Every structure is written in C-alpha cells, then in structure tokens.
Amino acid sequence: VCGIRDSMLTMLYNLVINASRHTRGGRILLLAEKQDREVLISVRDNGDGMVEETIAHAFDRGFTKDGGHGLGLALCLELTEYHGGRIWIEPNDPEKGITVFIALPDRE
C-alpha cells in the first residue's frame, strides 16, 4: 500500500507542477472519481495548452516544450502502467489548457 501511495503522490506532484508552469493567474483543478471498476483522476488547467503534435510526444522521456527535463510525464506514464492503469492528455476546448487523465483499476 505504501508503494501505491508514494506513486500516486509522485504522479500528482508532477502533474500539478507541470500545470503550474503553464498557468499564470489561472486555475488548476484536481478531480478523482470512481467509475465502474476504475478510479479516474484528472488534472485540468487553463494554461497555454498543447497542440496535438506535442501531446503525441508528451510522455516521451526527455521531450519538453518548456525547457524542463522532460522526465515528469514520462515518470507518470511508467508509474501508471506499473499499477495497471492508463494515462492520456486531452486539450480543453474551447478553453486553453489541457486535462491529464489517469485511470487506475479499483483495488477493492
């Protein structure tokens, strides 16, 4: 249980830090909800957003659009898959910004 908790904290930390880098005076919304046999976590911002080409490479280790290290989203992908989940990014429309979704199996 400790490993799962630490993984979740690491993922949420990375996603909130990424959102804060791209959101000036905006909003970052974290939401967790249970859906059937999954827990769906979303981190939504109204920052500068991502184009589809950037989204396609966002989880590649070393890929960055902001001069960072390009490790945060790659780590989130690895941790999510390790726990049997999925992670993806959707652009917010018509708003700017993105939403990162993590779907994890419900372990009840």
Protein backbone atom coordinates (compact mmCIF):
# COMPACT_ATOMS: atom_id res chain seq x y z
CA VAL A 1 0.00 0.00 0.00
CA CYS A 2 2.88 2.38 0.78
CA GLY A 3 4.30 1.97 -2.74
CA ILE A 4 0.96 2.79 -4.34
CA ARG A 5 0.50 5.84 -2.11
CA ASP A 6 4.01 7.10 -2.88
CA SER A 7 3.45 6.54 -6.62
CA MET A 8 0.18 8.48 -6.53
CA LEU A 9 1.79 11.37 -4.66
CA THR A 10 4.67 11.45 -7.15
CA MET A 11 2.28 11.49 -10.13
CA LEU A 12 0.04 14.19 -8.66
CA TYR A 13 3.05 16.30 -7.69
CA ASN A 14 4.46 16.08 -11.23
CA LEU A 15 1.12 16.90 -12.85
CA VAL A 16 0.42 19.88 -10.59
CA ILE A 17 3.95 21.26 -11.06
CA ASN A 18 3.63 20.90 -14.85
CA ALA A 19 0.25 22.63 -14.81
CA SER A 20 1.57 25.46 -12.64
CA ARG A 21 4.43 26.12 -15.08
CA HIS A 22 1.92 26.81 -17.85
CA THR A 23 -0.87 28.52 -15.92
CA ARG A 24 -0.38 32.16 -14.96
CA GLY A 25 -3.16 33.55 -12.80
CA GLY A 26 -5.38 30.70 -13.91
CA ARG A 27 -6.87 27.59 -12.40
CA ILE A 28 -5.69 24.05 -11.79
CA LEU A 29 -8.45 21.61 -10.91
CA LEU A 30 -7.81 18.14 -9.46
CA LEU A 31 -10.65 15.66 -9.52
CA ALA A 32 -10.91 12.00 -8.57
CA GLU A 33 -14.00 9.92 -9.22
CA LYS A 34 -14.91 6.26 -9.14
CA GLN A 35 -16.26 4.89 -12.42
CA ASP A 36 -17.27 1.24 -12.55
CA ARG A 37 -14.03 -0.65 -11.88
CA GLU A 38 -11.67 2.29 -12.20
CA VAL A 39 -10.69 5.41 -10.33
CA LEU A 40 -10.34 8.32 -12.73
CA ILE A 41 -8.04 11.16 -11.70
CA SER A 42 -7.87 14.35 -13.74
CA VAL A 43 -5.67 17.42 -13.52
CA ARG A 44 -7.11 20.27 -15.59
CA ASP A 45 -5.54 23.65 -16.20
CA ASN A 46 -6.41 26.69 -18.25
CA GLY A 47 -2.83 27.47 -19.20
CA ASP A 48 -1.15 27.78 -22.57
CA GLY A 49 -2.23 24.30 -23.76
CA MET A 50 -0.62 21.82 -26.14
CA VAL A 51 -1.04 21.21 -29.84
CA GLU A 52 -1.76 17.63 -30.99
CA GLU A 53 1.85 17.09 -32.12
CA THR A 54 3.12 18.00 -28.65
CA ILE A 55 0.54 15.77 -26.99
CA ALA A 56 1.72 12.86 -29.16
CA HIS A 57 5.23 13.15 -27.66
CA ALA A 58 4.41 14.47 -24.19
CA PHE A 59 5.18 11.15 -22.45
CA ASP A 60 8.48 10.58 -24.29
CA ARG A 61 11.42 10.65 -21.89
CA GLY A 62 13.42 13.83 -22.49
CA PHE A 63 10.70 15.57 -24.53
CA THR A 64 9.93 19.07 -23.29
CA LYS A 65 8.26 22.18 -24.62
CA ASP A 66 9.27 24.44 -21.75
CA GLY A 67 12.98 23.81 -21.22
CA GLY A 68 12.43 21.37 -18.34
CA HIS A 69 14.00 17.93 -18.11
CA GLY A 70 11.20 16.04 -19.86
CA LEU A 71 11.04 13.44 -17.11
CA GLY A 72 7.83 14.26 -15.19
CA LEU A 73 5.24 12.97 -17.66
CA ALA A 74 7.46 10.02 -18.63
CA LEU A 75 7.63 9.05 -14.96
CA CYS A 76 3.85 9.43 -14.64
CA LEU A 77 3.40 7.09 -17.61
CA GLU A 78 5.73 4.47 -16.12
CA LEU A 79 4.08 4.58 -12.70
CA THR A 80 0.57 4.47 -14.15
CA GLU A 81 1.38 1.47 -16.33
CA TYR A 82 3.16 -0.25 -13.44
CA HIS A 83 -0.10 -0.07 -11.47
CA GLY A 84 -2.15 -1.38 -14.42
CA GLY A 85 -3.58 1.96 -15.43
CA ARG A 86 -3.75 4.33 -18.39
CA ILE A 87 -2.75 7.96 -18.77
CA TRP A 88 -3.62 10.42 -21.55
CA ILE A 89 -3.91 14.11 -22.34
CA GLU A 90 -6.84 15.96 -23.89
CA PRO A 91 -6.81 19.61 -24.93
CA ASN A 92 -9.53 21.75 -23.34
CA ASP A 93 -11.78 23.23 -25.95
CA PRO A 94 -12.81 26.00 -26.45
CA GLU A 95 -10.71 26.93 -23.40
CA LYS A 96 -6.98 26.92 -23.43
CA GLY A 97 -5.10 24.40 -21.38
CA ILE A 98 -5.15 20.64 -21.10
CA THR A 99 -6.50 17.89 -18.91
CA VAL A 100 -4.33 14.94 -17.97
CA PHE A 101 -6.32 11.82 -17.10
CA ILE A 102 -5.13 8.81 -15.11
CA ALA A 103 -7.38 5.76 -14.94
CA LEU A 104 -6.38 3.16 -12.35
CA PRO A 105 -8.03 -0.16 -11.56
CA ASP A 106 -10.17 -0.10 -8.43
CA ARG A 107 -8.43 -2.44 -5.98
CA GLU A 108 -11.46 -3.16 -3.75
